[in-house]
């Protein structure tokens, strides 16, 4: 099993190198196929031996081999992250078709998350095709029926759409982009309807843990714009890997909330 885990990590890192291209070019409306990768400073094409995931960045000390311009540390980070997630998927699900399906999901979520962090957009070119792809992939996953996938699409998109419209109606301001709605519909397609509320819950908790300190540090008001896509993605991945722990986690959270409510109301 170790050799398969190593292979999946290497495969994920190689795909992560391509995801770096997608993250940079998709928001700019550029082709992800051509031209080949090049230094943004001197525009010299990067040869394959200077483009080995993780290792090339380390060997070149994070600089271009031709003009010595620094390259962002995010390049090896994304390669490592995608490789790690690929290995975790294989470790969790083993050698079966579902592993291939969730590799596709993981790669999409990594791309979406970093684009949303940079530009506060979730590109339709990923989320919209991801909905039918996730639905079709449900036929390859024994524990997710096509009916559950379809219900996940409707419940995922409908839930966030209702929240977004309700917030806008009450406050007169847009509090959530419709890209998040399409993303959750895609997650419902891949993971089924049972994943929707855990994903929203975990994403909201993670978003609060990050957003509240940011507001305090930046001394911003509650309208500080924080992209929700990465937190939805993290919530979905947490559900994917630790679904068996969801019920006790939710029970613990409700106990904490009940104790807190009883304390302030008594």
C-alpha atoms as a PDB file:
ATOM      1  CA  UNK A   1       0.000   0.000   0.000  1.00  0.00           C
ATOM      2  CA  UNK A   2       2.926   2.345   0.701  1.00  0.00           C
ATOM      3  CA  UNK A   3       4.023   2.344  -2.935  1.00  0.00           C
ATOM      4  CA  UNK A   4       0.478   3.206  -4.063  1.00  0.00           C
ATOM      5  CA  UNK A   5       0.338   6.079  -1.575  1.00  0.00           C
ATOM      6  CA  UNK A   6       3.685   7.375  -2.853  1.00  0.00           C
ATOM      7  CA  UNK A   7       2.457   7.100  -6.441  1.00  0.00           C
ATOM      8  CA  UNK A   8      -0.747   8.971  -5.598  1.00  0.00           C
ATOM      9  CA  UNK A   9       1.253  11.743  -3.908  1.00  0.00           C
ATOM     10  CA  UNK A  10       3.536  12.127  -6.935  1.00  0.00           C
ATOM     11  CA  UNK A  11       0.541  12.087  -9.290  1.00  0.00           C
ATOM     12  CA  UNK A  12      -1.229  14.691  -7.167  1.00  0.00           C
ATOM     13  CA  UNK A  13       1.859  16.907  -7.082  1.00  0.00           C
ATOM     14  CA  UNK A  14       2.213  16.700 -10.882  1.00  0.00           C
ATOM     15  CA  UNK A  15      -1.455  17.604 -11.310  1.00  0.00           C
ATOM     16  CA  UNK A  16      -0.944  20.336  -8.713  1.00  0.00           C
ATOM     17  CA  UNK A  17       1.666  21.871 -11.016  1.00  0.00           C
ATOM     18  CA  UNK A  18      -1.016  22.075 -13.709  1.00  0.00           C
ATOM     19  CA  UNK A  19      -3.470  23.504 -11.166  1.00  0.00           C
ATOM     20  CA  UNK A  20      -1.021  26.371 -10.606  1.00  0.00           C
ATOM     21  CA  UNK A  21      -1.436  27.214 -14.282  1.00  0.00           C
ATOM     22  CA  UNK A  22      -5.229  27.053 -13.981  1.00  0.00           C
ATOM     23  CA  UNK A  23      -5.268  29.242 -10.867  1.00  0.00           C
ATOM     24  CA  UNK A  24      -3.246  31.922 -12.616  1.00  0.00           C
ATOM     25  CA  UNK A  25      -4.791  31.799 -16.100  1.00  0.00           C
ATOM     26  CA  UNK A  26      -8.503  31.076 -15.631  1.00  0.00           C
ATOM     27  CA  UNK A  27      -9.329  34.414 -13.895  1.00  0.00           C
ATOM     28  CA  UNK A  28      -7.309  36.212 -16.581  1.00  0.00           C
ATOM     29  CA  UNK A  29      -9.303  34.532 -19.342  1.00  0.00           C
ATOM     30  CA  UNK A  30      -6.178  32.885 -20.773  1.00  0.00           C
ATOM     31  CA  UNK A  31      -5.777  29.419 -22.258  1.00  0.00           C
ATOM     32  CA  UNK A  32      -4.623  26.766 -19.793  1.00  0.00           C
ATOM     33  CA  UNK A  33      -3.055  24.777 -22.631  1.00  0.00           C
ATOM     34  CA  UNK A  34      -0.825  27.263 -24.433  1.00  0.00           C
ATOM     35  CA  UNK A  35       1.584  28.903 -24.305  1.00  0.00           C
ATOM     36  CA  UNK A  36       3.761  26.671 -22.132  1.00  0.00           C
ATOM     37  CA  UNK A  37       4.745  27.859 -18.674  1.00  0.00           C
ATOM     38  CA  UNK A  38       7.234  30.720 -18.662  1.00  0.00           C
ATOM     39  CA  UNK A  39       8.860  33.102 -16.225  1.00  0.00           C
ATOM     40  CA  UNK A  40       6.551  36.105 -15.712  1.00  0.00           C
ATOM     41  CA  UNK A  41       9.601  38.395 -15.532  1.00  0.00           C
ATOM     42  CA  UNK A  42      11.922  37.421 -18.397  1.00  0.00           C
ATOM     43  CA  UNK A  43       9.273  35.403 -20.316  1.00  0.00           C
ATOM     44  CA  UNK A  44      11.710  32.534 -20.891  1.00  0.00           C
ATOM     45  CA  UNK A  45       9.865  29.210 -21.301  1.00  0.00           C
ATOM     46  CA  UNK A  46      10.429  26.917 -18.324  1.00  0.00           C
ATOM     47  CA  UNK A  47      12.056  23.639 -19.351  1.00  0.00           C
ATOM     48  CA  UNK A  48      10.654  20.410 -17.981  1.00  0.00           C
ATOM     49  CA  UNK A  49      13.694  19.805 -15.754  1.00  0.00           C
ATOM     50  CA  UNK A  50      13.077  23.186 -14.129  1.00  0.00           C
ATOM     51  CA  UNK A  51       9.410  22.357 -13.649  1.00  0.00           C
ATOM     52  CA  UNK A  52       9.563  19.192 -11.531  1.00  0.00           C
ATOM     53  CA  UNK A  53       6.916  19.627  -8.792  1.00  0.00           C
ATOM     54  CA  UNK A  54       8.287  20.793  -5.428  1.00  0.00           C
ATOM     55  CA  UNK A  55      11.896  19.709  -6.084  1.00  0.00           C
ATOM     56  CA  UNK A  56      12.676  22.215  -8.838  1.00  0.00           C
ATOM     57  CA  UNK A  57      11.495  25.109  -6.661  1.00  0.00           C
ATOM     58  CA  UNK A  58      13.665  23.881  -3.779  1.00  0.00           C
ATOM     59  CA  UNK A  59      16.739  23.212  -5.937  1.00  0.00           C
ATOM     60  CA  UNK A  60      16.459  26.621  -7.615  1.00  0.00           C
ATOM     61  CA  UNK A  61      15.859  28.244  -4.196  1.00  0.00           C
ATOM     62  CA  UNK A  62      12.537  29.631  -5.408  1.00  0.00           C
ATOM     63  CA  UNK A  63      14.044  31.632  -8.271  1.00  0.00           C
ATOM     64  CA  UNK A  64      13.977  31.613 -12.059  1.00  0.00           C
ATOM     65  CA  UNK A  65      16.915  29.672 -13.506  1.00  0.00           C
ATOM     66  CA  UNK A  66      17.510  32.421 -16.089  1.00  0.00           C
ATOM     67  CA  UNK A  67      16.848  35.807 -14.494  1.00  0.00           C
ATOM     68  CA  UNK A  68      16.867  34.839 -10.778  1.00  0.00           C
ATOM     69  CA  UNK A  69      13.457  36.494 -10.248  1.00  0.00           C
ATOM     70  CA  UNK A  70      11.786  34.982  -7.146  1.00  0.00           C
ATOM     71  CA  UNK A  71       8.895  32.589  -7.693  1.00  0.00           C
ATOM     72  CA  UNK A  72       6.028  32.499  -5.176  1.00  0.00           C
ATOM     73  CA  UNK A  73       6.196  29.896  -2.415  1.00  0.00           C
ATOM     74  CA  UNK A  74       2.580  29.080  -3.306  1.00  0.00           C
ATOM     75  CA  UNK A  75       3.675  27.017  -6.295  1.00  0.00           C
ATOM     76  CA  UNK A  76       5.258  24.202  -4.262  1.00  0.00           C
ATOM     77  CA  UNK A  77       2.603  24.622  -1.567  1.00  0.00           C
ATOM     78  CA  UNK A  78      -0.226  23.877  -4.011  1.00  0.00           C
ATOM     79  CA  UNK A  79       1.729  20.959  -5.491  1.00  0.00           C
ATOM     80  CA  UNK A  80       2.352  19.525  -2.018  1.00  0.00           C
ATOM     81  CA  UNK A  81      -1.236  20.130  -0.894  1.00  0.00           C
ATOM     82  CA  UNK A  82      -2.738  18.424  -3.933  1.00  0.00           C
ATOM     83  CA  UNK A  83      -0.304  15.528  -3.586  1.00  0.00           C
ATOM     84  CA  UNK A  84      -1.190  15.137   0.088  1.00  0.00           C
ATOM     85  CA  UNK A  85      -4.923  15.202  -0.652  1.00  0.00           C
ATOM     86  CA  UNK A  86      -4.541  12.624  -3.414  1.00  0.00           C
ATOM     87  CA  UNK A  87      -2.681  10.328  -1.002  1.00  0.00           C
ATOM     88  CA  UNK A  88      -5.353  10.843   1.680  1.00  0.00           C
ATOM     89  CA  UNK A  89      -8.110   9.957  -0.793  1.00  0.00           C
ATOM     90  CA  UNK A  90      -6.330   6.717  -1.698  1.00  0.00           C
ATOM     91  CA  UNK A  91      -5.695   5.950   1.972  1.00  0.00           C
ATOM     92  CA  UNK A  92      -9.364   6.574   2.799  1.00  0.00           C
ATOM     93  CA  UNK A  93     -11.006   4.741  -0.100  1.00  0.00           C
ATOM     94  CA  UNK A  94      -8.396   2.337  -1.440  1.00  0.00           C
ATOM     95  CA  UNK A  95      -8.110   1.074  -5.001  1.00  0.00           C
ATOM     96  CA  UNK A  96     -11.597   1.567  -6.406  1.00  0.00           C
ATOM     97  CA  UNK A  97     -13.372   3.836  -8.951  1.00  0.00           C
ATOM     98  CA  UNK A  98     -14.500   6.205  -6.166  1.00  0.00           C
ATOM     99  CA  UNK A  99     -10.863   7.186  -5.622  1.00  0.00           C
ATOM    100  CA  UNK A 100     -10.621   8.506  -9.191  1.00  0.00           C
ATOM    101  CA  UNK A 101     -13.867  10.421  -8.693  1.00  0.00           C
ATOM    102  CA  UNK A 102     -12.681  12.087  -5.511  1.00  0.00           C
ATOM    103  CA  UNK A 103      -9.306  12.907  -7.066  1.00  0.00           C
ATOM    104  CA  UNK A 104     -11.248  14.922  -9.637  1.00  0.00           C
ATOM    105  CA  UNK A 105     -13.214  16.608  -6.843  1.00  0.00           C
ATOM    106  CA  UNK A 106     -10.076  17.409  -4.822  1.00  0.00           C
ATOM    107  CA  UNK A 107      -8.299  18.967  -7.811  1.00  0.00           C
ATOM    108  CA  UNK A 108     -11.355  21.105  -8.544  1.00  0.00           C
ATOM    109  CA  UNK A 109     -11.636  22.285  -4.938  1.00  0.00           C
ATOM    110  CA  UNK A 110      -7.953  23.241  -4.716  1.00  0.00           C
ATOM    111  CA  UNK A 111      -8.266  25.294  -7.899  1.00  0.00           C
ATOM    112  CA  UNK A 112     -11.505  26.964  -6.817  1.00  0.00           C
ATOM    113  CA  UNK A 113     -10.186  27.772  -3.339  1.00  0.00           C
ATOM    114  CA  UNK A 114      -7.060  29.602  -4.459  1.00  0.00           C
ATOM    115  CA  UNK A 115      -8.875  31.481  -7.224  1.00  0.00           C
ATOM    116  CA  UNK A 116     -11.487  32.579  -4.683  1.00  0.00           C
ATOM    117  CA  UNK A 117      -8.762  33.655  -2.246  1.00  0.00           C
ATOM    118  CA  UNK A 118      -7.062  35.746  -4.934  1.00  0.00           C
ATOM    119  CA  UNK A 119     -10.046  37.223  -6.763  1.00  0.00           C
ATOM    120  CA  UNK A 120     -13.137  36.478  -4.622  1.00  0.00           C
ATOM    121  CA  UNK A 121     -14.759  34.658  -7.515  1.00  0.00           C
ATOM    122  CA  UNK A 122     -15.640  31.021  -8.108  1.00  0.00           C
ATOM    123  CA  UNK A 123     -15.234  30.423 -11.838  1.00  0.00           C
ATOM    124  CA  UNK A 124     -18.278  29.004 -13.582  1.00  0.00           C
ATOM    125  CA  UNK A 125     -15.945  27.125 -15.916  1.00  0.00           C
ATOM    126  CA  UNK A 126     -15.223  24.746 -13.024  1.00  0.00           C
ATOM    127  CA  UNK A 127     -18.370  24.722 -10.871  1.00  0.00           C
ATOM    128  CA  UNK A 128     -21.007  24.482 -13.606  1.00  0.00           C
ATOM    129  CA  UNK A 129     -19.442  21.548 -15.526  1.00  0.00           C
ATOM    130  CA  UNK A 130     -18.687  20.010 -12.121  1.00  0.00           C
ATOM    131  CA  UNK A 131     -22.404  19.580 -11.438  1.00  0.00           C
ATOM    132  CA  UNK A 132     -23.154  17.150 -14.316  1.00  0.00           C
ATOM    133  CA  UNK A 133     -19.734  15.510 -13.907  1.00  0.00           C
ATOM    134  CA  UNK A 134     -20.462  14.840 -10.225  1.00  0.00           C
ATOM    135  CA  UNK A 135     -23.899  13.495 -11.089  1.00  0.00           C
ATOM    136  CA  UNK A 136     -22.484  11.091 -13.687  1.00  0.00           C
ATOM    137  CA  UNK A 137     -19.757  10.019 -11.276  1.00  0.00           C
ATOM    138  CA  UNK A 138     -22.399   8.961  -8.742  1.00  0.00           C
ATOM    139  CA  UNK A 139     -22.912   5.848 -10.888  1.00  0.00           C
ATOM    140  CA  UNK A 140     -19.322   4.826 -10.025  1.00  0.00           C
ATOM    141  CA  UNK A 141     -19.773   5.241  -6.255  1.00  0.00           C
ATOM    142  CA  UNK A 142     -21.690   2.361  -4.621  1.00  0.00           C
ATOM    143  CA  UNK A 143     -22.806   4.331  -1.548  1.00  0.00           C
ATOM    144  CA  UNK A 144     -24.117   7.393  -3.418  1.00  0.00           C
ATOM    145  CA  UNK A 145     -27.095   6.761  -5.700  1.00  0.00           C
ATOM    146  CA  UNK A 146     -27.966   9.033  -8.591  1.00  0.00           C
ATOM    147  CA  UNK A 147     -31.096  10.052  -6.667  1.00  0.00           C
ATOM    148  CA  UNK A 148     -28.967  11.185  -3.713  1.00  0.00           C
ATOM    149  CA  UNK A 149     -26.661  13.052  -6.091  1.00  0.00           C
ATOM    150  CA  UNK A 150     -29.610  14.788  -7.752  1.00  0.00           C
ATOM    151  CA  UNK A 151     -31.063  15.676  -4.342  1.00  0.00           C
ATOM    152  CA  UNK A 152     -27.638  17.025  -3.355  1.00  0.00           C
ATOM    153  CA  UNK A 153     -27.617  19.326  -6.383  1.00  0.00           C
ATOM    154  CA  UNK A 154     -31.079  20.689  -5.611  1.00  0.00           C
ATOM    155  CA  UNK A 155     -30.582  20.929  -1.850  1.00  0.00           C
ATOM    156  CA  UNK A 156     -27.062  22.345  -2.105  1.00  0.00           C
ATOM    157  CA  UNK A 157     -27.895  25.034  -4.618  1.00  0.00           C
ATOM    158  CA  UNK A 158     -31.305  25.759  -3.100  1.00  0.00           C
ATOM    159  CA  UNK A 159     -30.096  26.105   0.491  1.00  0.00           C
ATOM    160  CA  UNK A 160     -27.380  28.660  -0.179  1.00  0.00           C
ATOM    161  CA  UNK A 161     -29.583  30.457  -2.699  1.00  0.00           C
ATOM    162  CA  UNK A 162     -32.264  30.870  -0.034  1.00  0.00           C
ATOM    163  CA  UNK A 163     -29.691  32.106   2.495  1.00  0.00           C
ATOM    164  CA  UNK A 164     -28.176  34.554   0.007  1.00  0.00           C
ATOM    165  CA  UNK A 165     -31.533  35.953  -1.087  1.00  0.00           C
ATOM    166  CA  UNK A 166     -32.787  36.132   2.495  1.00  0.00           C
ATOM    167  CA  UNK A 167     -29.712  38.046   3.647  1.00  0.00           C
ATOM    168  CA  UNK A 168     -29.956  40.442   0.724  1.00  0.00           C
ATOM    169  CA  UNK A 169     -33.660  40.981   1.408  1.00  0.00           C
ATOM    170  CA  UNK A 170     -33.103  41.716   5.099  1.00  0.00           C
ATOM    171  CA  UNK A 171     -29.989  43.885   4.799  1.00  0.00           C
ATOM    172  CA  UNK A 172     -30.189  45.289   1.293  1.00  0.00           C
ATOM    173  CA  UNK A 173     -26.618  44.070   0.689  1.00  0.00           C
ATOM    174  CA  UNK A 174     -25.182  41.048  -1.023  1.00  0.00           C
ATOM    175  CA  UNK A 175     -23.679  38.831   1.653  1.00  0.00           C
ATOM    176  CA  UNK A 176     -22.832  35.785  -0.426  1.00  0.00           C
ATOM    177  CA  UNK A 177     -21.913  35.424  -4.061  1.00  0.00           C
ATOM    178  CA  UNK A 178     -23.853  33.102  -6.318  1.00  0.00           C
ATOM    179  CA  UNK A 179     -20.583  31.335  -7.070  1.00  0.00           C
ATOM    180  CA  UNK A 180     -20.917  29.738  -3.626  1.00  0.00           C
ATOM    181  CA  UNK A 181     -24.393  28.513  -4.588  1.00  0.00           C
ATOM    182  CA  UNK A 182     -23.037  26.774  -7.692  1.00  0.00           C
ATOM    183  CA  UNK A 183     -20.112  25.362  -5.703  1.00  0.00           C
ATOM    184  CA  UNK A 184     -22.402  23.792  -3.111  1.00  0.00           C
ATOM    185  CA  UNK A 185     -24.564  22.343  -5.886  1.00  0.00           C
ATOM    186  CA  UNK A 186     -21.396  20.769  -7.315  1.00  0.00           C
ATOM    187  CA  UNK A 187     -20.473  19.389  -3.898  1.00  0.00           C
ATOM    188  CA  UNK A 188     -23.963  17.933  -3.566  1.00  0.00           C
ATOM    189  CA  UNK A 189     -23.534  16.231  -6.942  1.00  0.00           C
ATOM    190  CA  UNK A 190     -20.282  14.576  -5.885  1.00  0.00           C
ATOM    191  CA  UNK A 191     -21.099  13.793  -2.241  1.00  0.00           C
ATOM    192  CA  UNK A 192     -24.896  13.449  -2.126  1.00  0.00           C
ATOM    193  CA  UNK A 193     -27.500  15.380  -0.180  1.00  0.00           C
ATOM    194  CA  UNK A 194     -26.350  14.095   3.228  1.00  0.00           C
ATOM    195  CA  UNK A 195     -23.136  16.106   2.847  1.00  0.00           C
ATOM    196  CA  UNK A 196     -24.847  19.476   2.413  1.00  0.00           C
ATOM    197  CA  UNK A 197     -25.563  20.532   5.983  1.00  0.00           C
ATOM    198  CA  UNK A 198     -22.296  19.150   7.431  1.00  0.00           C
ATOM    199  CA  UNK A 199     -20.409  21.040   4.718  1.00  0.00           C
ATOM    200  CA  UNK A 200     -22.246  24.300   5.455  1.00  0.00           C
ATOM    201  CA  UNK A 201     -21.814  23.808   9.199  1.00  0.00           C
ATOM    202  CA  UNK A 202     -18.110  22.973   9.057  1.00  0.00           C
ATOM    203  CA  UNK A 203     -17.462  25.711   6.497  1.00  0.00           C
ATOM    204  CA  UNK A 204     -19.242  28.263   8.681  1.00  0.00           C
ATOM    205  CA  UNK A 205     -17.312  27.236  11.793  1.00  0.00           C
ATOM    206  CA  UNK A 206     -13.989  27.432   9.959  1.00  0.00           C
ATOM    207  CA  UNK A 207     -14.999  30.747   8.404  1.00  0.00           C
ATOM    208  CA  UNK A 208     -15.848  32.153  11.827  1.00  0.00           C
ATOM    209  CA  UNK A 209     -12.572  30.956  13.328  1.00  0.00           C
ATOM    210  CA  UNK A 210     -10.689  32.807  10.595  1.00  0.00           C
ATOM    211  CA  UNK A 211     -13.021  35.734   9.915  1.00  0.00           C
ATOM    212  CA  UNK A 212     -13.553  36.985  13.461  1.00  0.00           C
ATOM    213  CA  UNK A 213      -9.824  37.300  14.266  1.00  0.00           C
ATOM    214  CA  UNK A 214      -9.282  38.997  10.895  1.00  0.00           C
ATOM    215  CA  UNK A 215     -11.963  41.563  11.674  1.00  0.00           C
ATOM    216  CA  UNK A 216     -10.355  42.220  15.051  1.00  0.00           C
ATOM    217  CA  UNK A 217      -6.857  42.510  13.582  1.00  0.00           C
ATOM    218  CA  UNK A 218      -7.929  44.759  10.720  1.00  0.00           C
ATOM    219  CA  UNK A 219     -10.419  46.605  12.926  1.00  0.00           C
ATOM    220  CA  UNK A 220     -13.018  46.106  10.205  1.00  0.00           C
ATOM    221  CA  UNK A 221     -16.739  45.925  10.619  1.00  0.00           C
ATOM    222  CA  UNK A 222     -18.911  42.904  10.001  1.00  0.00           C
ATOM    223  CA  UNK A 223     -19.016  43.682   6.280  1.00  0.00           C
ATOM    224  CA  UNK A 224     -15.392  42.616   5.799  1.00  0.00           C
ATOM    225  CA  UNK A 225     -15.363  40.609   2.558  1.00  0.00           C
ATOM    226  CA  UNK A 226     -14.046  37.099   3.187  1.00  0.00           C
ATOM    227  CA  UNK A 227     -14.320  34.476   0.435  1.00  0.00           C
ATOM    228  CA  UNK A 228     -16.488  31.576   1.579  1.00  0.00           C
ATOM    229  CA  UNK A 229     -15.473  29.142  -1.171  1.00  0.00           C
ATOM    230  CA  UNK A 230     -12.292  27.873   0.540  1.00  0.00           C
ATOM    231  CA  UNK A 231     -14.214  27.206   3.749  1.00  0.00           C
ATOM    232  CA  UNK A 232     -16.939  25.303   1.896  1.00  0.00           C
ATOM    233  CA  UNK A 233     -14.200  23.303   0.194  1.00  0.00           C
ATOM    234  CA  UNK A 234     -12.527  22.588   3.548  1.00  0.00           C
ATOM    235  CA  UNK A 235     -15.867  21.579   5.068  1.00  0.00           C
ATOM    236  CA  UNK A 236     -16.551  19.208   2.167  1.00  0.00           C
ATOM    237  CA  UNK A 237     -13.101  17.626   2.483  1.00  0.00           C
ATOM    238  CA  UNK A 238     -13.528  17.229   6.232  1.00  0.00           C
ATOM    239  CA  UNK A 239     -16.851  15.489   5.596  1.00  0.00           C
ATOM    240  CA  UNK A 240     -15.310  13.311   2.884  1.00  0.00           C
ATOM    241  CA  UNK A 241     -12.464  12.090   5.083  1.00  0.00           C
ATOM    242  CA  UNK A 242     -14.176  12.024   8.476  1.00  0.00           C
ATOM    243  CA  UNK A 243     -17.845  11.315   7.735  1.00  0.00           C
ATOM    244  CA  UNK A 244     -17.855   8.621  10.426  1.00  0.00           C
ATOM    245  CA  UNK A 245     -17.121  11.288  13.045  1.00  0.00           C
ATOM    246  CA  UNK A 246     -19.808  13.719  11.883  1.00  0.00           C
ATOM    247  CA  UNK A 247     -22.628  12.516  14.189  1.00  0.00           C
ATOM    248  CA  UNK A 248     -20.592  12.702  17.464  1.00  0.00           C
ATOM    249  CA  UNK A 249     -19.093  16.043  16.376  1.00  0.00           C
ATOM    250  CA  UNK A 250     -22.541  17.496  15.798  1.00  0.00           C
ATOM    251  CA  UNK A 251     -23.776  16.135  19.137  1.00  0.00           C
ATOM    252  CA  UNK A 252     -20.803  17.747  20.899  1.00  0.00           C
ATOM    253  CA  UNK A 253     -21.461  21.073  19.154  1.00  0.00           C
ATOM    254  CA  UNK A 254     -25.159  21.046  20.086  1.00  0.00           C
ATOM    255  CA  UNK A 255     -24.270  20.256  23.703  1.00  0.00           C
ATOM    256  CA  UNK A 256     -21.870  23.231  23.780  1.00  0.00           C
ATOM    257  CA  UNK A 257     -24.481  25.527  22.215  1.00  0.00           C
ATOM    258  CA  UNK A 258     -27.146  24.291  24.620  1.00  0.00           C
ATOM    259  CA  UNK A 259     -24.903  24.894  27.621  1.00  0.00           C
ATOM    260  CA  UNK A 260     -23.987  28.377  26.336  1.00  0.00           C
ATOM    261  CA  UNK A 261     -27.645  29.310  25.705  1.00  0.00           C
ATOM    262  CA  UNK A 262     -28.676  28.022  29.126  1.00  0.00           C
ATOM    263  CA  UNK A 263     -25.885  30.065  30.756  1.00  0.00           C
ATOM    264  CA  UNK A 264     -26.836  33.398  29.183  1.00  0.00           C
ATOM    265  CA  UNK A 265     -30.583  32.904  29.593  1.00  0.00           C
ATOM    266  CA  UNK A 266     -30.555  31.882  33.243  1.00  0.00           C
END
